[in-house]
PDB file of N, CA and C in Angstrom:
ATOM      1  N   MET A   1      -4.002  21.500  -3.028  1.00  0.00           N
ATOM      2  CA  MET A   1      -2.861  22.058  -3.825  1.00  0.00           C
ATOM      3  C   MET A   1      -1.806  21.015  -4.516  1.00  0.00           C
ATOM      4  N   ALA A   2      -1.410  21.393  -5.847  1.00  0.00           N
ATOM      5  CA  ALA A   2      -0.713  20.671  -6.689  1.00  0.00           C
ATOM      6  C   ALA A   2       0.634  20.068  -5.561  1.00  0.00           C
ATOM      7  N   LYS A   3       1.309  18.990  -5.770  1.00  0.00           N
ATOM      8  CA  LYS A   3       2.171  18.133  -5.002  1.00  0.00           C
ATOM      9  C   LYS A   3       3.339  17.691  -6.003  1.00  0.00           C
ATOM     10  N   ILE A   4       4.697  18.352  -5.744  1.00  0.00           N
ATOM     11  CA  ILE A   4       5.807  17.739  -6.429  1.00  0.00           C
ATOM     12  C   ILE A   4       6.915  17.290  -5.577  1.00  0.00           C
ATOM     13  N   ASP A   5       7.792  16.422  -5.825  1.00  0.00           N
ATOM     14  CA  ASP A   5       8.943  15.776  -5.477  1.00  0.00           C
ATOM     15  C   ASP A   5       9.801  16.938  -5.639  1.00  0.00           C
ATOM     16  N   CYS A   6      10.607  17.467  -5.087  1.00  0.00           N
ATOM     17  CA  CYS A   6      11.644  18.368  -5.810  1.00  0.00           C
ATOM     18  C   CYS A   6      13.197  17.573  -5.573  1.00  0.00           C
ATOM     19  N   SER A   7      12.968  16.281  -5.005  1.00  0.00           N
ATOM     20  CA  SER A   7      14.142  15.799  -4.883  1.00  0.00           C
ATOM     21  C   SER A   7      14.883  15.552  -5.896  1.00  0.00           C
ATOM     22  N   GLU A   8      16.110  15.645  -6.228  1.00  0.00           N
ATOM     23  CA  GLU A   8      16.970  15.735  -7.589  1.00  0.00           C
ATOM     24  C   GLU A   8      17.216  14.315  -7.987  1.00  0.00           C
ATOM     25  N   ASN A   9      17.042  13.206  -6.890  1.00  0.00           N
ATOM     26  CA  ASN A   9      17.413  11.995  -7.085  1.00  0.00           C
ATOM     27  C   ASN A   9      16.102  11.272  -7.651  1.00  0.00           C
ATOM     28  N   GLU A  10      15.086  11.846  -7.444  1.00  0.00           N
ATOM     29  CA  GLU A  10      13.784  11.334  -7.626  1.00  0.00           C
ATOM     30  C   GLU A  10      13.360  11.440  -9.280  1.00  0.00           C
ATOM     31  N   SER A  11      12.580  10.604 -10.000  1.00  0.00           N
ATOM     32  CA  SER A  11      12.109  10.706 -11.089  1.00  0.00           C
ATOM     33  C   SER A  11      11.057  12.028 -11.177  1.00  0.00           C
ATOM     34  N   VAL A  12      10.545  12.424 -12.319  1.00  0.00           N
ATOM     35  CA  VAL A  12       9.713  13.296 -12.358  1.00  0.00           C
ATOM     36  C   VAL A  12       8.176  12.882 -11.722  1.00  0.00           C
ATOM     37  N   ASN A  13       7.740  13.729 -10.719  1.00  0.00           N
ATOM     38  CA  ASN A  13       6.594  12.845 -10.259  1.00  0.00           C
ATOM     39  C   ASN A  13       5.525  14.441  -9.833  1.00  0.00           C
ATOM     40  N   PHE A  14       4.654  14.437 -10.350  1.00  0.00           N
ATOM     41  CA  PHE A  14       3.722  15.563  -9.867  1.00  0.00           C
ATOM     42  C   PHE A  14       1.913  14.914  -9.870  1.00  0.00           C
ATOM     43  N   LEU A  15       1.540  15.403  -9.016  1.00  0.00           N
ATOM     44  CA  LEU A  15       0.147  15.004  -8.287  1.00  0.00           C
ATOM     45  C   LEU A  15      -0.973  15.922  -9.043  1.00  0.00           C
ATOM     46  N   CYS A  16      -1.596  15.575 -10.168  1.00  0.00           N
ATOM     47  CA  CYS A  16      -2.413  16.351 -10.770  1.00  0.00           C
ATOM     48  C   CYS A  16      -3.659  16.266  -9.840  1.00  0.00           C
ATOM     49  N   LEU A  17      -4.274  17.884  -9.833  1.00  0.00           N
ATOM     50  CA  LEU A  17      -5.575  17.595  -9.165  1.00  0.00           C
ATOM     51  C   LEU A  17      -6.944  17.488 -10.306  1.00  0.00           C
ATOM     52  N   LYS A  18      -6.471  17.282 -11.144  1.00  0.00           N
ATOM     53  CA  LYS A  18      -7.611  17.426 -12.304  1.00  0.00           C
ATOM     54  C   LYS A  18      -8.617  18.095 -12.320  1.00  0.00           C
ATOM     55  N   CYS A  19      -8.096  19.393 -12.103  1.00  0.00           N
ATOM     56  CA  CYS A  19      -9.019  20.500 -12.367  1.00  0.00           C
ATOM     57  C   CYS A  19      -9.411  20.946 -13.541  1.00  0.00           C
ATOM     58  N   GLY A  20      -8.905  20.733 -14.568  1.00  0.00           N
ATOM     59  CA  GLY A  20      -8.819  20.949 -15.889  1.00  0.00           C
ATOM     60  C   GLY A  20      -8.464  22.333 -16.302  1.00  0.00           C
ATOM     61  N   GLU A  21      -7.867  23.077 -15.344  1.00  0.00           N
ATOM     62  CA  GLU A  21      -7.379  24.446 -15.504  1.00  0.00           C
ATOM     63  C   GLU A  21      -6.137  24.445 -16.593  1.00  0.00           C
ATOM     64  N   CYS A  22      -5.239  23.579 -16.513  1.00  0.00           N
ATOM     65  CA  CYS A  22      -4.171  23.884 -17.823  1.00  0.00           C
ATOM     66  C   CYS A  22      -4.903  23.454 -19.257  1.00  0.00           C
ATOM     67  N   CYS A  23      -5.937  22.881 -19.101  1.00  0.00           N
ATOM     68  CA  CYS A  23      -6.593  22.442 -20.382  1.00  0.00           C
ATOM     69  C   CYS A  23      -7.576  23.847 -20.891  1.00  0.00           C
ATOM     70  N   ARG A  24      -7.864  24.650 -20.015  1.00  0.00           N
ATOM     71  CA  ARG A  24      -8.749  25.736 -20.224  1.00  0.00           C
ATOM     72  C   ARG A  24      -7.690  26.910 -20.428  1.00  0.00           C
ATOM     73  N   HIS A  25      -6.603  26.748 -20.564  1.00  0.00           N
ATOM     74  CA  HIS A  25      -5.753  27.864 -20.885  1.00  0.00           C
ATOM     75  C   HIS A  25      -4.465  27.361 -21.910  1.00  0.00           C
ATOM     76  N   ILE A  26      -5.053  26.334 -22.834  1.00  0.00           N
ATOM     77  CA  ILE A  26      -4.123  25.685 -23.421  1.00  0.00           C
ATOM     78  C   ILE A  26      -3.432  26.679 -24.327  1.00  0.00           C
ATOM     79  N   GLU A  27      -3.660  27.970 -24.792  1.00  0.00           N
ATOM     80  CA  GLU A  27      -3.007  28.698 -25.565  1.00  0.00           C
ATOM     81  C   GLU A  27      -1.713  29.095 -24.949  1.00  0.00           C
ATOM     82  N   ALA A  28      -1.247  28.922 -23.699  1.00  0.00           N
ATOM     83  CA  ALA A  28      -0.258  29.119 -22.861  1.00  0.00           C
ATOM     84  C   ALA A  28       0.770  27.973 -23.297  1.00  0.00           C
ATOM     85  N   PHE A  29       0.286  26.968 -24.169  1.00  0.00           N
ATOM     86  CA  PHE A  29       1.382  25.856 -24.469  1.00  0.00           C
ATOM     87  C   PHE A  29       1.335  25.710 -26.083  1.00  0.00           C
ATOM     88  N   ILE A  30       1.915  24.964 -26.321  1.00  0.00           N
ATOM     89  CA  ILE A  30       2.677  24.986 -27.816  1.00  0.00           C
ATOM     90  C   ILE A  30       0.930  24.866 -28.715  1.00  0.00           C
ATOM     91  N   GLU A  31       1.141  25.256 -29.880  1.00  0.00           N
ATOM     92  CA  GLU A  31       0.028  25.289 -30.689  1.00  0.00           C
ATOM     93  C   GLU A  31      -0.581  24.254 -31.412  1.00  0.00           C
ATOM     94  N   ILE A  32       0.204  23.096 -31.200  1.00  0.00           N
ATOM     95  CA  ILE A  32      -0.197  21.991 -32.082  1.00  0.00           C
ATOM     96  C   ILE A  32      -1.329  20.997 -31.499  1.00  0.00           C
ATOM     97  N   ILE A  33      -1.549  21.267 -30.189  1.00  0.00           N
ATOM     98  CA  ILE A  33      -3.026  20.594 -29.645  1.00  0.00           C
ATOM     99  C   ILE A  33      -4.199  21.386 -29.942  1.00  0.00           C
ATOM    100  N   PRO A  34      -5.011  20.589 -30.617  1.00  0.00           N
ATOM    101  CA  PRO A  34      -6.191  21.161 -30.928  1.00  0.00           C
ATOM    102  C   PRO A  34      -7.097  21.972 -29.772  1.00  0.00           C
ATOM    103  N   TYR A  35      -7.585  23.201 -30.004  1.00  0.00           N
ATOM    104  CA  TYR A  35      -8.212  23.849 -28.970  1.00  0.00           C
ATOM    105  C   TYR A  35      -9.197  24.680 -29.545  1.00  0.00           C
ATOM    106  N   GLN A  36     -10.294  25.113 -28.682  1.00  0.00           N
ATOM    107  CA  GLN A  36     -11.380  25.947 -29.504  1.00  0.00           C
ATOM    108  C   GLN A  36     -11.108  27.531 -29.533  1.00  0.00           C
ATOM    109  N   HIS A  37     -11.549  28.072 -30.290  1.00  0.00           N
ATOM    110  CA  HIS A  37     -11.210  29.572 -30.064  1.00  0.00           C
ATOM    111  C   HIS A  37     -11.388  30.213 -28.844  1.00  0.00           C
ATOM    112  N   ASP A  38     -11.791  29.588 -27.959  1.00  0.00           N
ATOM    113  CA  ASP A  38     -11.562  30.593 -26.690  1.00  0.00           C
ATOM    114  C   ASP A  38     -10.351  30.131 -25.602  1.00  0.00           C
ATOM    115  N   GLY A  39      -9.647  29.261 -26.450  1.00  0.00           N
ATOM    116  CA  GLY A  39      -8.130  28.728 -25.745  1.00  0.00           C
ATOM    117  C   GLY A  39      -8.784  27.445 -24.919  1.00  0.00           C
ATOM    118  N   ILE A  40      -9.637  27.000 -24.938  1.00  0.00           N
ATOM    119  CA  ILE A  40      -9.665  25.571 -24.153  1.00  0.00           C
ATOM    120  C   ILE A  40      -9.837  24.600 -24.888  1.00  0.00           C
ATOM    121  N   CYS A  41      -9.205  23.438 -24.747  1.00  0.00           N
ATOM    122  CA  CYS A  41      -8.886  22.411 -25.265  1.00  0.00           C
ATOM    123  C   CYS A  41      -9.679  21.597 -25.674  1.00  0.00           C
ATOM    124  N   GLY A  42     -10.239  21.324 -27.285  1.00  0.00           N
ATOM    125  CA  GLY A  42     -11.419  20.757 -27.554  1.00  0.00           C
ATOM    126  C   GLY A  42     -11.586  19.231 -26.864  1.00  0.00           C
ATOM    127  N   PHE A  43     -10.715  18.689 -26.283  1.00  0.00           N
ATOM    128  CA  PHE A  43     -10.754  17.367 -25.497  1.00  0.00           C
ATOM    129  C   PHE A  43     -11.156  17.648 -24.151  1.00  0.00           C
ATOM    130  N   LEU A  44     -11.152  18.443 -23.814  1.00  0.00           N
ATOM    131  CA  LEU A  44     -11.806  18.921 -22.525  1.00  0.00           C
ATOM    132  C   LEU A  44     -13.170  18.386 -22.264  1.00  0.00           C
ATOM    133  N   GLN A  45     -13.586  17.719 -21.421  1.00  0.00           N
ATOM    134  CA  GLN A  45     -15.243  17.223 -21.449  1.00  0.00           C
ATOM    135  C   GLN A  45     -15.128  17.340 -19.731  1.00  0.00           C
ATOM    136  N   GLY A  46     -15.834  18.305 -19.322  1.00  0.00           N
ATOM    137  CA  GLY A  46     -16.123  18.712 -17.662  1.00  0.00           C
ATOM    138  C   GLY A  46     -14.604  19.267 -17.418  1.00  0.00           C
ATOM    139  N   ASP A  47     -14.059  18.366 -16.329  1.00  0.00           N
ATOM    140  CA  ASP A  47     -12.640  18.775 -16.108  1.00  0.00           C
ATOM    141  C   ASP A  47     -11.821  17.710 -16.456  1.00  0.00           C
ATOM    142  N   LEU A  48     -12.182  16.962 -17.179  1.00  0.00           N
ATOM    143  CA  LEU A  48     -11.281  15.531 -17.648  1.00  0.00           C
ATOM    144  C   LEU A  48     -10.974  15.458 -19.004  1.00  0.00           C
ATOM    145  N   CYS A  49     -10.022  14.908 -19.413  1.00  0.00           N
ATOM    146  CA  CYS A  49      -9.499  14.803 -20.843  1.00  0.00           C
ATOM    147  C   CYS A  49     -10.430  13.726 -21.372  1.00  0.00           C
ATOM    148  N   ALA A  50     -10.726  13.885 -22.520  1.00  0.00           N
ATOM    149  CA  ALA A  50     -11.591  12.894 -23.307  1.00  0.00           C
ATOM    150  C   ALA A  50     -10.664  11.684 -24.029  1.00  0.00           C
ATOM    151  N   ILE A  51      -9.282  12.368 -24.278  1.00  0.00           N
ATOM    152  CA  ILE A  51      -8.431  11.261 -24.970  1.00  0.00           C
ATOM    153  C   ILE A  51      -7.181  11.292 -24.104  1.00  0.00           C
ATOM    154  N   TYR A  52      -7.380  10.996 -22.929  1.00  0.00           N
ATOM    155  CA  TYR A  52      -6.302  10.716 -21.671  1.00  0.00           C
ATOM    156  C   TYR A  52      -5.360   9.664 -21.799  1.00  0.00           C
ATOM    157  N   GLU A  53      -5.658   8.587 -22.417  1.00  0.00           N
ATOM    158  CA  GLU A  53      -5.096   7.462 -22.424  1.00  0.00           C
ATOM    159  C   GLU A  53      -4.069   7.617 -23.970  1.00  0.00           C
ATOM    160  N   ASN A  54      -4.467   8.271 -24.872  1.00  0.00           N
ATOM    161  CA  ASN A  54      -3.709   8.879 -26.086  1.00  0.00           C
ATOM    162  C   ASN A  54      -3.703  10.373 -26.114  1.00  0.00           C
ATOM    163  N   ARG A  55      -3.453  10.997 -24.882  1.00  0.00           N
ATOM    164  CA  ARG A  55      -3.025  12.359 -25.237  1.00  0.00           C
ATOM    165  C   ARG A  55      -1.668  12.791 -25.598  1.00  0.00           C
ATOM    166  N   PRO A  56      -1.572  14.036 -26.391  1.00  0.00           N
ATOM    167  CA  PRO A  56      -0.165  14.090 -26.859  1.00  0.00           C
ATOM    168  C   PRO A  56       0.907  14.072 -25.666  1.00  0.00           C
ATOM    169  N   ASP A  57       2.272  14.077 -26.153  1.00  0.00           N
ATOM    170  CA  ASP A  57       3.346  14.001 -24.976  1.00  0.00           C
ATOM    171  C   ASP A  57       3.411  15.039 -24.413  1.00  0.00           C
ATOM    172  N   LEU A  58       2.865  16.311 -24.718  1.00  0.00           N
ATOM    173  CA  LEU A  58       3.058  17.707 -24.047  1.00  0.00           C
ATOM    174  C   LEU A  58       1.970  17.857 -23.164  1.00  0.00           C
ATOM    175  N   CYS A  59       0.941  16.861 -23.067  1.00  0.00           N
ATOM    176  CA  CYS A  59      -0.116  16.822 -22.245  1.00  0.00           C
ATOM    177  C   CYS A  59       0.208  15.797 -20.858  1.00  0.00           C
ATOM    178  N   ASP A  60       1.241  15.158 -21.176  1.00  0.00           N
ATOM    179  CA  ASP A  60       1.808  13.924 -19.996  1.00  0.00           C
ATOM    180  C   ASP A  60       3.020  14.683 -19.507  1.00  0.00           C
ATOM    181  N   TYR A  61       2.894  15.020 -18.096  1.00  0.00           N
ATOM    182  CA  TYR A  61       3.957  15.660 -17.330  1.00  0.00           C
ATOM    183  C   TYR A  61       5.315  14.734 -17.579  1.00  0.00           C
ATOM    184  N   LYS A  62       5.073  13.835 -17.356  1.00  0.00           N
ATOM    185  CA  LYS A  62       6.510  12.888 -17.373  1.00  0.00           C
ATOM    186  C   LYS A  62       6.844  13.045 -18.787  1.00  0.00           C
ATOM    187  N   ARG A  63       6.268  12.653 -19.971  1.00  0.00           N
ATOM    188  CA  ARG A  63       6.930  12.437 -21.263  1.00  0.00           C
ATOM    189  C   ARG A  63       7.482  13.826 -21.671  1.00  0.00           C
ATOM    190  N   ALA A  64       6.380  14.904 -21.176  1.00  0.00           N
ATOM    191  CA  ALA A  64       6.984  16.391 -21.644  1.00  0.00           C
ATOM    192  C   ALA A  64       8.213  16.883 -21.356  1.00  0.00           C
ATOM    193  N   TYR A  65       8.740  16.568 -20.129  1.00  0.00           N
ATOM    194  CA  TYR A  65       9.851  16.774 -19.608  1.00  0.00           C
ATOM    195  C   TYR A  65      11.080  16.387 -20.776  1.00  0.00           C
ATOM    196  N   THR A  66      10.824  15.541 -21.691  1.00  0.00           N
ATOM    197  CA  THR A  66      11.870  15.286 -22.698  1.00  0.00           C
ATOM    198  C   THR A  66      11.991  16.564 -23.597  1.00  0.00           C
ATOM    199  N   TYR A  67      10.969  17.175 -23.858  1.00  0.00           N
ATOM    200  CA  TYR A  67      10.959  18.420 -24.625  1.00  0.00           C
ATOM    201  C   TYR A  67      11.726  19.607 -23.666  1.00  0.00           C
ATOM    202  N   PHE A  68      12.002  19.272 -22.509  1.00  0.00           N
ATOM    203  CA  PHE A  68      12.657  20.402 -21.588  1.00  0.00           C
ATOM    204  C   PHE A  68      13.852  20.476 -21.294  1.00  0.00           C
ATOM    205  N   ALA A  69      14.533  18.741 -21.257  1.00  0.00           N
ATOM    206  CA  ALA A  69      15.577  18.361 -20.640  1.00  0.00           C
ATOM    207  C   ALA A  69      16.678  18.852 -21.166  1.00  0.00           C
ATOM    208  N   ASP A  70      16.925  19.401 -22.253  1.00  0.00           N
ATOM    209  CA  ASP A  70      18.383  20.316 -22.715  1.00  0.00           C
ATOM    210  C   ASP A  70      18.191  21.458 -22.171  1.00  0.00           C
ATOM    211  N   TYR A  71      17.025  22.279 -21.709  1.00  0.00           N
ATOM    212  CA  TYR A  71      17.178  23.451 -20.989  1.00  0.00           C
ATOM    213  C   TYR A  71      16.988  23.488 -19.675  1.00  0.00           C
ATOM    214  N   LEU A  72      16.474  22.470 -19.166  1.00  0.00           N
ATOM    215  CA  LEU A  72      16.254  22.646 -17.657  1.00  0.00           C
ATOM    216  C   LEU A  72      16.556  21.252 -16.852  1.00  0.00           C
ATOM    217  N   THR A  73      16.836  21.545 -15.525  1.00  0.00           N
ATOM    218  CA  THR A  73      17.425  20.554 -14.693  1.00  0.00           C
ATOM    219  C   THR A  73      15.960  19.866 -14.530  1.00  0.00           C
ATOM    220  N   GLU A  74      15.683  18.581 -13.841  1.00  0.00           N
ATOM    221  CA  GLU A  74      14.622  18.187 -13.553  1.00  0.00           C
ATOM    222  C   GLU A  74      14.036  19.063 -12.307  1.00  0.00           C
ATOM    223  N   ILE A  75      14.735  19.672 -11.494  1.00  0.00           N
ATOM    224  CA  ILE A  75      14.016  20.424 -10.475  1.00  0.00           C
ATOM    225  C   ILE A  75      13.629  21.575 -11.014  1.00  0.00           C
ATOM    226  N   GLU A  76      14.232  22.301 -12.045  1.00  0.00           N
ATOM    227  CA  GLU A  76      13.822  23.538 -12.610  1.00  0.00           C
ATOM    228  C   GLU A  76      12.570  23.332 -13.426  1.00  0.00           C
ATOM    229  N   TYR A  77      12.275  22.160 -13.809  1.00  0.00           N
ATOM    230  CA  TYR A  77      10.975  21.718 -14.707  1.00  0.00           C
ATOM    231  C   TYR A  77       9.980  21.517 -13.622  1.00  0.00           C
ATOM    232  N   LYS A  78      10.398  20.838 -12.659  1.00  0.00           N
ATOM    233  CA  LYS A  78       9.330  20.623 -11.592  1.00  0.00           C
ATOM    234  C   LYS A  78       8.862  21.913 -10.985  1.00  0.00           C
ATOM    235  N   GLU A  79       9.591  22.899 -10.819  1.00  0.00           N
ATOM    236  CA  GLU A  79       9.155  24.013 -10.290  1.00  0.00           C
ATOM    237  C   GLU A  79       8.557  25.259 -11.204  1.00  0.00           C
ATOM    238  N   MET A  80       8.935  24.883 -12.649  1.00  0.00           N
ATOM    239  CA  MET A  80       7.787  25.438 -13.497  1.00  0.00           C
ATOM    240  C   MET A  80       6.581  24.976 -13.844  1.00  0.00           C
ATOM    241  N   VAL A  81       6.512  23.731 -13.653  1.00  0.00           N
ATOM    242  CA  VAL A  81       5.187  23.043 -14.087  1.00  0.00           C
ATOM    243  C   VAL A  81       4.522  23.447 -12.647  1.00  0.00           C
ATOM    244  N   LEU A  82       5.072  23.478 -11.315  1.00  0.00           N
ATOM    245  CA  LEU A  82       4.302  24.009 -10.160  1.00  0.00           C
ATOM    246  C   LEU A  82       3.754  25.116 -10.324  1.00  0.00           C
ATOM    247  N   TYR A  83       4.589  26.328 -10.621  1.00  0.00           N
ATOM    248  CA  TYR A  83       4.683  27.632 -11.010  1.00  0.00           C
ATOM    249  C   TYR A  83       3.255  27.911 -11.762  1.00  0.00           C
ATOM    250  N   PHE A  84       2.725  27.253 -13.022  1.00  0.00           N
ATOM    251  CA  PHE A  84       2.202  27.415 -13.844  1.00  0.00           C
ATOM    252  C   PHE A  84       0.931  26.820 -13.121  1.00  0.00           C
ATOM    253  N   CYS A  85       0.565  25.571 -12.565  1.00  0.00           N
ATOM    254  CA  CYS A  85      -0.084  24.846 -11.932  1.00  0.00           C
ATOM    255  C   CYS A  85      -0.703  25.913 -10.689  1.00  0.00           C
ATOM    256  N   LYS A  86      -0.235  26.586  -9.957  1.00  0.00           N
ATOM    257  CA  LYS A  86      -0.709  27.471  -9.005  1.00  0.00           C
ATOM    258  C   LYS A  86      -1.270  28.870 -10.049  1.00  0.00           C
ATOM    259  N   LYS A  87      -0.750  29.147 -10.602  1.00  0.00           N
ATOM    260  CA  LYS A  87      -1.152  30.406 -11.583  1.00  0.00           C
ATOM    261  C   LYS A  87      -2.801  29.797 -12.342  1.00  0.00           C
ATOM    262  N   PHE A  88      -2.786  28.943 -12.814  1.00  0.00           N
ATOM    263  CA  PHE A  88      -3.902  28.316 -13.479  1.00  0.00           C
ATOM    264  C   PHE A  88      -5.014  28.086 -12.442  1.00  0.00           C
ATOM    265  N   GLN A  89      -4.640  27.577 -10.755  1.00  0.00           N
ATOM    266  CA  GLN A  89      -5.554  27.344  -9.962  1.00  0.00           C
ATOM    267  C   GLN A  89      -5.911  28.770  -9.436  1.00  0.00           C
ATOM    268  N   GLN A  90      -5.418  29.649  -9.382  1.00  0.00           N
ATOM    269  CA  GLN A  90      -5.713  31.153  -9.118  1.00  0.00           C
ATOM    270  C   GLN A  90      -6.679  31.627  -9.973  1.00  0.00           C
ATOM    271  N   MET A  91      -6.398  31.255 -11.357  1.00  0.00           N
ATOM    272  CA  MET A  91      -7.221  31.765 -12.255  1.00  0.00           C
ATOM    273  C   MET A  91      -8.710  31.065 -12.623  1.00  0.00           C
ATOM    274  N   LYS A  92      -8.882  29.993 -11.534  1.00  0.00           N
ATOM    275  CA  LYS A  92     -10.170  29.107 -11.856  1.00  0.00           C
ATOM    276  C   LYS A  92     -11.324  29.830 -11.202  1.00  0.00           C
ATOM    277  N   LYS A  93     -11.914  29.709 -11.988  1.00  0.00           N
ATOM    278  CA  LYS A  93     -13.358  30.297 -11.865  1.00  0.00           C
ATOM    279  C   LYS A  93     -14.438  29.542 -10.855  1.00  0.00           C
ATOM    280  N   CYS A  94     -15.262  30.172 -10.082  1.00  0.00           N
ATOM    281  CA  CYS A  94     -16.033  29.312  -9.060  1.00  0.00           C
ATOM    282  C   CYS A  94     -17.330  28.970  -9.859  1.00  0.00           C
TER     283      CYS A  94
END
């Protein structure tokens, strides 16, 4: 299961399981990321990102926080990410 450190003094930290589920539900995020008609990111290959080193800010957990910093505390952001991660994990098809 995904692990995050919710300590207020810690920097944003999230352990990605590399399951690809968030990329399979890209319609849940902002629409600037290219995705296929079925809601799957066009850069997903298997469970991994084909452009990982050059992925958009919103696909990078730490960089994405800058988009939410005016609205959420770091702890609230971590809780939101963990919530969606768990929901996506529940949707994972075997």
